[in-house]
Amino acid sequence: MGEGAFAYEFSPVARVGENLFLIPLNRYVTIKYIEPIPGKIIDFGSLDAGESTPTTELTDMEMPEDEIGQYRIKVLDDITVTVYQKRGVGRFSTKNVLYPITPDSDTLSSHANSTEIFVYGDDAPWVQVTNSGTVPILKSRIWIQGFRYVVETLEEAPAKYTAIPIWGWGARGD
């Protein structure tokens, strides 16, 4: 078992019977069931040098109501992937930079946890894929895999929980 969200080893953030705090919804849930989501390759097709796709919703990552997906994204080709969650809110950002996921994101950092995201219900992430190379490419692929959590909303805050971000910070729903 990992040490919560963004742990070095990719494992569930909590166990059945444990609790999660969903940021920025300010909602507590308890986990009723967990299962792995096997990996899947998503191909955005051929791209000319420097070309970008339109911003595309990753509907394959949508979850049913009252379920959470914990995913890691790996870039397989010479592309950059900019992630938005909600649609217009960039993930992996600072004040001045929206950092894309690259083929080196999990090899140059100490581990792949920098590409981990959580999806609550049907709020799947959106991505824009860019051919970062100098020649056209026939494939622009990412690999996603993760864990599925069936959860139940709690009426009161539990004494112990693991906090997870389910959207980018700018999407607080204010």
C-alpha atoms as a PDB file:
ATOM      1  CA  MET A   1       0.000   0.000   0.000  1.00  0.00           C
ATOM      2  CA  GLY A   2       1.332   3.428  -0.934  1.00  0.00           C
ATOM      3  CA  GLU A   3       1.583   6.482   1.271  1.00  0.00           C
ATOM      4  CA  GLY A   4      -1.525   8.221  -0.134  1.00  0.00           C
ATOM      5  CA  ALA A   5      -1.890  10.342  -3.246  1.00  0.00           C
ATOM      6  CA  PHE A   6       1.257  10.670  -5.385  1.00  0.00           C
ATOM      7  CA  ALA A   7       3.113   7.842  -3.633  1.00  0.00           C
ATOM      8  CA  TYR A   8       6.284   6.520  -5.256  1.00  0.00           C
ATOM      9  CA  GLU A   9       4.776   3.100  -5.913  1.00  0.00           C
ATOM     10  CA  PHE A  10       1.526   3.144  -7.890  1.00  0.00           C
ATOM     11  CA  SER A  11      -1.032   1.583  -5.587  1.00  0.00           C
ATOM     12  CA  PRO A  12      -4.473   2.493  -4.233  1.00  0.00           C
ATOM     13  CA  VAL A  13      -4.410   5.639  -2.095  1.00  0.00           C
ATOM     14  CA  ALA A  14      -6.512   3.958   0.582  1.00  0.00           C
ATOM     15  CA  ARG A  15      -8.205   0.652   1.350  1.00  0.00           C
ATOM     16  CA  VAL A  16     -11.796  -0.529   1.530  1.00  0.00           C
ATOM     17  CA  GLY A  17     -13.364   1.004   4.638  1.00  0.00           C
ATOM     18  CA  GLU A  18     -10.990   3.980   4.660  1.00  0.00           C
ATOM     19  CA  ASN A  19     -12.002   7.550   3.855  1.00  0.00           C
ATOM     20  CA  LEU A  20     -11.091  10.146   1.237  1.00  0.00           C
ATOM     21  CA  PHE A  21     -11.456  13.935   1.237  1.00  0.00           C
ATOM     22  CA  LEU A  22     -12.197  15.222  -2.273  1.00  0.00           C
ATOM     23  CA  ILE A  23     -10.465  18.536  -2.986  1.00  0.00           C
ATOM     24  CA  PRO A  24     -11.913  21.033  -4.044  1.00  0.00           C
ATOM     25  CA  LEU A  25     -15.430  19.610  -3.483  1.00  0.00           C
ATOM     26  CA  ASN A  26     -14.911  19.546   0.295  1.00  0.00           C
ATOM     27  CA  ARG A  27     -16.642  16.162   0.317  1.00  0.00           C
ATOM     28  CA  TYR A  28     -15.784  13.122   2.434  1.00  0.00           C
ATOM     29  CA  VAL A  29     -16.396   9.630   1.088  1.00  0.00           C
ATOM     30  CA  THR A  30     -15.748   6.112   2.328  1.00  0.00           C
ATOM     31  CA  ILE A  31     -14.418   3.393   0.032  1.00  0.00           C
ATOM     32  CA  LYS A  32     -16.738   0.424  -0.522  1.00  0.00           C
ATOM     33  CA  TYR A  33     -14.819  -1.388  -3.296  1.00  0.00           C
ATOM     34  CA  ILE A  34     -11.503  -1.139  -5.185  1.00  0.00           C
ATOM     35  CA  GLU A  35     -10.288  -2.823  -8.344  1.00  0.00           C
ATOM     36  CA  PRO A  36      -7.445  -2.202 -10.817  1.00  0.00           C
ATOM     37  CA  ILE A  37      -8.111  -0.638 -14.209  1.00  0.00           C
ATOM     38  CA  PRO A  38      -5.827  -2.403 -16.701  1.00  0.00           C
ATOM     39  CA  GLY A  39      -3.719  -0.234 -18.960  1.00  0.00           C
ATOM     40  CA  LYS A  40      -5.021   1.153 -22.220  1.00  0.00           C
ATOM     41  CA  ILE A  41      -3.335   2.926 -25.120  1.00  0.00           C
ATOM     42  CA  ILE A  42      -5.095   5.972 -26.553  1.00  0.00           C
ATOM     43  CA  ASP A  43      -3.853   7.127 -29.991  1.00  0.00           C
ATOM     44  CA  PHE A  44      -4.599  10.672 -31.127  1.00  0.00           C
ATOM     45  CA  GLY A  45      -3.395   9.881 -34.656  1.00  0.00           C
ATOM     46  CA  SER A  46      -0.826  11.411 -36.977  1.00  0.00           C
ATOM     47  CA  LEU A  47       0.471  14.941 -36.422  1.00  0.00           C
ATOM     48  CA  ASP A  48       2.725  17.191 -38.475  1.00  0.00           C
ATOM     49  CA  ALA A  49       5.787  18.708 -36.797  1.00  0.00           C
ATOM     50  CA  GLY A  50       4.601  21.260 -34.232  1.00  0.00           C
ATOM     51  CA  GLU A  51       0.913  20.430 -34.844  1.00  0.00           C
ATOM     52  CA  SER A  52      -1.538  20.145 -31.934  1.00  0.00           C
ATOM     53  CA  THR A  53      -4.834  18.337 -31.600  1.00  0.00           C
ATOM     54  CA  PRO A  54      -7.952  20.191 -30.531  1.00  0.00           C
ATOM     55  CA  THR A  55      -8.537  19.968 -26.788  1.00  0.00           C
ATOM     56  CA  THR A  56     -10.104  16.517 -26.411  1.00  0.00           C
ATOM     57  CA  GLU A  57     -12.039  14.972 -23.527  1.00  0.00           C
ATOM     58  CA  LEU A  58     -10.643  11.608 -22.385  1.00  0.00           C
ATOM     59  CA  THR A  59     -14.047   9.959 -22.062  1.00  0.00           C
ATOM     60  CA  ASP A  60     -12.342   6.580 -21.520  1.00  0.00           C
ATOM     61  CA  MET A  61     -11.439   7.901 -18.065  1.00  0.00           C
ATOM     62  CA  GLU A  62     -15.010   8.834 -17.058  1.00  0.00           C
ATOM     63  CA  MET A  63     -16.351   7.034 -14.022  1.00  0.00           C
ATOM     64  CA  PRO A  64     -19.943   6.236 -13.022  1.00  0.00           C
ATOM     65  CA  GLU A  65     -21.626   8.393 -10.391  1.00  0.00           C
ATOM     66  CA  ASP A  66     -20.145   7.835  -6.917  1.00  0.00           C
ATOM     67  CA  GLU A  67     -16.955   6.353  -8.302  1.00  0.00           C
ATOM     68  CA  ILE A  68     -13.401   7.670  -8.451  1.00  0.00           C
ATOM     69  CA  GLY A  69     -10.649   6.766 -10.874  1.00  0.00           C
ATOM     70  CA  GLN A  70      -6.998   7.095  -9.898  1.00  0.00           C
ATOM     71  CA  TYR A  71      -4.837   7.201 -13.027  1.00  0.00           C
ATOM     72  CA  ARG A  72      -1.277   7.614 -14.156  1.00  0.00           C
ATOM     73  CA  ILE A  73      -0.568   8.811 -17.687  1.00  0.00           C
ATOM     74  CA  LYS A  74       2.517   7.780 -19.658  1.00  0.00           C
ATOM     75  CA  VAL A  75       3.457   9.397 -22.973  1.00  0.00           C
ATOM     76  CA  LEU A  76       4.617   6.789 -25.503  1.00  0.00           C
ATOM     77  CA  ASP A  77       5.640   8.946 -28.501  1.00  0.00           C
ATOM     78  CA  ASP A  78       7.505  12.206 -29.176  1.00  0.00           C
ATOM     79  CA  ILE A  79       4.610  14.385 -28.032  1.00  0.00           C
ATOM     80  CA  THR A  80       3.666  16.662 -25.178  1.00  0.00           C
ATOM     81  CA  VAL A  81       0.307  16.316 -23.454  1.00  0.00           C
ATOM     82  CA  THR A  82      -1.239  19.298 -21.702  1.00  0.00           C
ATOM     83  CA  VAL A  83      -3.890  18.227 -19.196  1.00  0.00           C
ATOM     84  CA  TYR A  84      -6.973  20.221 -18.171  1.00  0.00           C
ATOM     85  CA  GLN A  85      -9.349  19.203 -15.410  1.00  0.00           C
ATOM     86  CA  LYS A  86     -12.113  20.778 -15.507  1.00  0.00           C
ATOM     87  CA  ARG A  87     -11.999  21.679 -19.192  1.00  0.00           C
ATOM     88  CA  GLY A  88     -10.355  25.098 -18.944  1.00  0.00           C
ATOM     89  CA  VAL A  89      -8.309  24.554 -15.799  1.00  0.00           C
ATOM     90  CA  GLY A  90      -4.740  23.399 -16.394  1.00  0.00           C
ATOM     91  CA  ARG A  91      -3.195  20.667 -14.291  1.00  0.00           C
ATOM     92  CA  PHE A  92       0.472  20.566 -13.308  1.00  0.00           C
ATOM     93  CA  SER A  93       0.769  24.355 -13.290  1.00  0.00           C
ATOM     94  CA  THR A  94       2.500  27.158 -11.494  1.00  0.00           C
ATOM     95  CA  LYS A  95       1.719  30.868 -11.636  1.00  0.00           C
ATOM     96  CA  ASN A  96       3.372  31.260 -15.046  1.00  0.00           C
ATOM     97  CA  VAL A  97       3.697  27.789 -16.587  1.00  0.00           C
ATOM     98  CA  LEU A  98       1.309  24.993 -17.543  1.00  0.00           C
ATOM     99  CA  TYR A  99       3.620  21.979 -17.584  1.00  0.00           C
ATOM    100  CA  PRO A 100       2.819  19.275 -20.149  1.00  0.00           C
ATOM    101  CA  ILE A 101       3.477  15.578 -19.678  1.00  0.00           C
ATOM    102  CA  THR A 102       6.340  14.421 -21.920  1.00  0.00           C
ATOM    103  CA  PRO A 103       7.964  11.065 -22.712  1.00  0.00           C
ATOM    104  CA  ASP A 104      10.546  11.957 -20.049  1.00  0.00           C
ATOM    105  CA  SER A 105       8.082  12.902 -17.288  1.00  0.00           C
ATOM    106  CA  ASP A 106       8.510   9.596 -15.484  1.00  0.00           C
ATOM    107  CA  THR A 107      12.162   8.980 -16.311  1.00  0.00           C
ATOM    108  CA  LEU A 108      13.705  12.366 -15.507  1.00  0.00           C
ATOM    109  CA  SER A 109      11.770  12.742 -12.271  1.00  0.00           C
ATOM    110  CA  SER A 110      12.384  10.265  -9.493  1.00  0.00           C
ATOM    111  CA  HIS A 111       9.159   8.427 -10.360  1.00  0.00           C
ATOM    112  CA  ALA A 112       5.948   8.642 -12.391  1.00  0.00           C
ATOM    113  CA  ASN A 113       3.771  10.078  -9.641  1.00  0.00           C
ATOM    114  CA  SER A 114       3.985  13.502 -11.289  1.00  0.00           C
ATOM    115  CA  THR A 115       1.467  12.280 -13.894  1.00  0.00           C
ATOM    116  CA  GLU A 116      -1.145  11.028 -11.428  1.00  0.00           C
ATOM    117  CA  ILE A 117      -4.697  12.380 -11.590  1.00  0.00           C
ATOM    118  CA  PHE A 118      -8.034  11.521 -10.012  1.00  0.00           C
ATOM    119  CA  VAL A 119     -11.408  11.521 -11.784  1.00  0.00           C
ATOM    120  CA  TYR A 120     -14.681  11.799  -9.881  1.00  0.00           C
ATOM    121  CA  GLY A 121     -17.783  10.685 -11.766  1.00  0.00           C
ATOM    122  CA  ASP A 122     -17.985  11.868 -15.340  1.00  0.00           C
ATOM    123  CA  ASP A 123     -15.550  14.788 -14.910  1.00  0.00           C
ATOM    124  CA  ALA A 124     -12.932  13.268 -17.207  1.00  0.00           C
ATOM    125  CA  PRO A 125      -9.802  15.277 -17.998  1.00  0.00           C
ATOM    126  CA  TRP A 126      -9.264  17.108 -21.286  1.00  0.00           C
ATOM    127  CA  VAL A 127      -5.943  17.024 -23.139  1.00  0.00           C
ATOM    128  CA  GLN A 128      -4.202  18.784 -25.970  1.00  0.00           C
ATOM    129  CA  VAL A 129      -1.549  16.700 -27.686  1.00  0.00           C
ATOM    130  CA  THR A 130       1.330  18.396 -29.559  1.00  0.00           C
ATOM    131  CA  ASN A 131       3.967  16.859 -31.813  1.00  0.00           C
ATOM    132  CA  SER A 132       7.039  18.314 -30.150  1.00  0.00           C
ATOM    133  CA  GLY A 133       9.384  16.908 -32.797  1.00  0.00           C
ATOM    134  CA  THR A 134      10.666  18.333 -36.069  1.00  0.00           C
ATOM    135  CA  VAL A 135       9.169  15.648 -38.324  1.00  0.00           C
ATOM    136  CA  PRO A 136       5.629  14.330 -38.838  1.00  0.00           C
ATOM    137  CA  ILE A 137       4.577  11.342 -36.719  1.00  0.00           C
ATOM    138  CA  LEU A 138       2.046   8.619 -37.521  1.00  0.00           C
ATOM    139  CA  LYS A 139       1.066   7.935 -33.906  1.00  0.00           C
ATOM    140  CA  SER A 140       0.593  10.142 -30.863  1.00  0.00           C
ATOM    141  CA  ARG A 141      -0.125   7.740 -28.033  1.00  0.00           C
ATOM    142  CA  ILE A 142      -0.556   7.802 -24.293  1.00  0.00           C
ATOM    143  CA  TRP A 143      -0.941   4.897 -21.874  1.00  0.00           C
ATOM    144  CA  ILE A 144      -3.402   5.161 -18.979  1.00  0.00           C
ATOM    145  CA  GLN A 145      -3.909   2.752 -16.113  1.00  0.00           C
ATOM    146  CA  GLY A 146      -5.235   3.001 -12.632  1.00  0.00           C
ATOM    147  CA  PHE A 147      -7.652   1.997  -9.925  1.00  0.00           C
ATOM    148  CA  ARG A 148     -11.429   2.211  -9.587  1.00  0.00           C
ATOM    149  CA  TYR A 149     -13.058   3.130  -6.275  1.00  0.00           C
ATOM    150  CA  VAL A 150     -16.757   2.733  -5.506  1.00  0.00           C
ATOM    151  CA  VAL A 151     -17.474   5.278  -2.778  1.00  0.00           C
ATOM    152  CA  GLU A 152     -20.281   6.474  -0.545  1.00  0.00           C
ATOM    153  CA  THR A 153     -20.626  10.086   0.612  1.00  0.00           C
ATOM    154  CA  LEU A 154     -20.268  10.695   4.354  1.00  0.00           C
ATOM    155  CA  GLU A 155     -22.480  13.254   6.097  1.00  0.00           C
ATOM    156  CA  GLU A 156     -19.791  14.257   8.606  1.00  0.00           C
ATOM    157  CA  ALA A 157     -16.015  14.583   8.504  1.00  0.00           C
ATOM    158  CA  PRO A 158     -14.301  11.385   9.680  1.00  0.00           C
ATOM    159  CA  ALA A 159     -11.442  11.489  12.155  1.00  0.00           C
ATOM    160  CA  LYS A 160      -9.025  10.049   9.583  1.00  0.00           C
ATOM    161  CA  TYR A 161      -8.908  10.447   5.794  1.00  0.00           C
ATOM    162  CA  THR A 162      -6.616  10.780   2.769  1.00  0.00           C
ATOM    163  CA  ALA A 163      -7.009  14.004   0.764  1.00  0.00           C
ATOM    164  CA  ILE A 164      -7.014  13.764  -3.049  1.00  0.00           C
ATOM    165  CA  PRO A 165      -7.367  16.495  -5.698  1.00  0.00           C
ATOM    166  CA  ILE A 166     -10.085  15.625  -8.195  1.00  0.00           C
ATOM    167  CA  TRP A 167      -9.796  18.804 -10.320  1.00  0.00           C
ATOM    168  CA  GLY A 168      -7.278  21.519 -10.982  1.00  0.00           C
ATOM    169  CA  TRP A 169      -7.221  24.106  -8.202  1.00  0.00           C
ATOM    170  CA  GLY A 170      -8.846  26.842 -10.301  1.00  0.00           C
ATOM    171  CA  ALA A 171     -12.005  24.694 -10.634  1.00  0.00           C
ATOM    172  CA  ARG A 172     -13.311  25.094  -7.115  1.00  0.00           C
ATOM    173  CA  GLY A 173     -16.882  25.497  -8.337  1.00  0.00           C
ATOM    174  CA  ASP A 174     -17.204  28.957  -6.742  1.00  0.00           C
END
